[in-house]
């Protein structure tokens, strides 16, 4: 049953359900399924509110999800949040991707500005 699955998952993944959700989210993130990754990181945060890696990756996935939804201001907000968490926690492996995303947003915003003029 459900309790048995949770017990089995905890035995298989000693970090618990939040770590398991986080790992699954990372797989989606690396495959560029940003909305799905964001959902899994949100679930990991719900299961374990203090899970800092899930909070960080939720912000990374959200930044990309909002970028592809053409919501650049929201994407920038999540980039800032991710960078703040990375600075505190030493998770710099996504820094180059966040930097490229920031540059892409700036380029899109300039293009939109030119179209308006």
Protein backbone atom coordinates (compact mmCIF):
# COMPACT_ATOMS: atom_id res chain seq x y z
CA UNK A 1 0.00 0.00 0.00
CA UNK A 2 0.85 3.66 0.16
CA UNK A 3 2.64 3.42 3.52
CA UNK A 4 4.71 0.54 2.23
CA UNK A 5 5.74 2.57 -0.81
CA UNK A 6 6.84 5.49 1.36
CA UNK A 7 8.80 3.16 3.63
CA UNK A 8 10.40 1.48 0.60
CA UNK A 9 11.24 4.86 -0.95
CA UNK A 10 12.88 5.97 2.29
CA UNK A 11 14.89 2.75 2.47
CA UNK A 12 15.96 3.05 -1.16
CA UNK A 13 16.72 6.72 -0.78
CA UNK A 14 18.03 7.39 2.69
CA UNK A 15 17.62 11.14 2.22
CA UNK A 16 13.86 10.71 2.30
CA UNK A 17 11.00 11.74 0.08
CA UNK A 18 12.17 15.34 -0.42
CA UNK A 19 15.55 14.17 -1.74
CA UNK A 20 13.85 11.65 -4.01
CA UNK A 21 11.55 14.35 -5.43
CA UNK A 22 14.52 16.68 -5.80
CA UNK A 23 16.50 14.08 -7.77
CA UNK A 24 13.54 13.45 -10.06
CA UNK A 25 13.18 17.22 -10.52
CA UNK A 26 16.85 17.53 -11.43
CA UNK A 27 16.37 14.90 -14.12
CA UNK A 28 13.49 16.92 -15.60
CA UNK A 29 15.50 20.12 -15.28
CA UNK A 30 18.44 18.66 -17.18
CA UNK A 31 16.02 17.44 -19.87
CA UNK A 32 14.61 20.99 -20.10
CA UNK A 33 11.15 20.05 -18.84
CA UNK A 34 11.04 23.14 -16.68
CA UNK A 35 7.37 23.14 -15.70
CA UNK A 36 7.53 19.50 -14.57
CA UNK A 37 10.79 20.11 -12.71
CA UNK A 38 9.28 23.14 -10.99
CA UNK A 39 6.35 21.02 -9.80
CA UNK A 40 8.61 18.35 -8.33
CA UNK A 41 10.78 20.92 -6.56
CA UNK A 42 7.62 22.54 -5.16
CA UNK A 43 6.51 19.14 -3.83
CA UNK A 44 9.95 18.60 -2.28
CA UNK A 45 9.68 21.99 -0.56
CA UNK A 46 6.19 21.08 0.70
CA UNK A 47 7.43 17.76 2.11
CA UNK A 48 10.47 19.37 3.73
CA UNK A 49 10.18 23.19 3.91
CA UNK A 50 13.80 23.58 4.97
CA UNK A 51 15.19 21.68 1.96
CA UNK A 52 17.54 24.36 0.61
CA UNK A 53 18.54 22.53 -2.57
CA UNK A 54 14.87 22.11 -3.52
CA UNK A 55 14.30 25.83 -2.90
CA UNK A 56 17.31 26.71 -5.06
CA UNK A 57 16.35 24.40 -7.92
CA UNK A 58 12.72 25.53 -7.73
CA UNK A 59 13.96 29.04 -8.47
CA UNK A 60 16.20 27.84 -11.33
CA UNK A 61 13.37 25.83 -12.94
CA UNK A 62 10.93 28.71 -12.41
CA UNK A 63 13.29 31.17 -14.10
CA UNK A 64 13.44 29.01 -17.22
CA UNK A 65 9.71 28.22 -17.16
CA UNK A 66 8.80 31.90 -17.00
CA UNK A 67 11.34 32.79 -19.66
CA UNK A 68 9.76 30.35 -22.11
CA UNK A 69 6.33 31.72 -21.17
CA UNK A 70 7.64 35.19 -22.19
CA UNK A 71 7.27 36.47 -18.62
CA UNK A 72 10.69 38.03 -18.36
CA UNK A 73 10.15 40.07 -15.19
CA UNK A 74 9.12 36.93 -13.29
CA UNK A 75 12.05 35.02 -14.76
CA UNK A 76 14.46 37.70 -13.54
CA UNK A 77 12.92 37.58 -10.07
CA UNK A 78 13.55 33.84 -9.85
CA UNK A 79 17.09 34.25 -11.22
CA UNK A 80 17.82 36.72 -8.41
CA UNK A 81 16.38 34.31 -5.82
CA UNK A 82 18.42 31.40 -7.19
CA UNK A 83 21.62 33.44 -7.15
CA UNK A 84 21.01 34.52 -3.56
CA UNK A 85 20.54 30.91 -2.48
CA UNK A 86 23.57 29.75 -4.50
CA UNK A 87 25.77 32.41 -2.89
CA UNK A 88 24.73 31.22 0.57
CA UNK A 89 25.02 27.52 -0.22
CA UNK A 90 27.84 27.21 -2.73
CA UNK A 91 25.67 25.85 -5.57
CA UNK A 92 27.36 27.59 -8.45
CA UNK A 93 26.93 24.85 -11.04
CA UNK A 94 23.95 26.65 -12.57
CA UNK A 95 25.59 30.09 -12.62
CA UNK A 96 26.60 29.96 -16.30
CA UNK A 97 23.10 28.85 -17.31
CA UNK A 98 21.55 31.64 -15.25
CA UNK A 99 23.97 34.15 -16.76
CA UNK A 100 23.07 33.03 -20.30
CA UNK A 101 19.39 33.23 -19.42
CA UNK A 102 19.85 36.77 -18.08
CA UNK A 103 21.56 37.77 -21.33
CA UNK A 104 18.76 36.18 -23.39
CA UNK A 105 16.15 38.09 -21.39
CA UNK A 106 18.02 41.37 -21.92
CA UNK A 107 18.18 40.66 -25.66
CA UNK A 108 14.45 39.87 -25.82
CA UNK A 109 13.59 42.99 -23.86
CA UNK A 110 15.68 45.16 -26.20
CA UNK A 111 13.97 43.54 -29.17
CA UNK A 112 10.53 44.25 -27.68
CA UNK A 113 11.54 47.83 -26.95
CA UNK A 114 12.60 48.34 -30.60
CA UNK A 115 9.31 46.86 -31.81
CA UNK A 116 7.35 49.33 -29.68
CA UNK A 117 9.29 52.30 -31.07
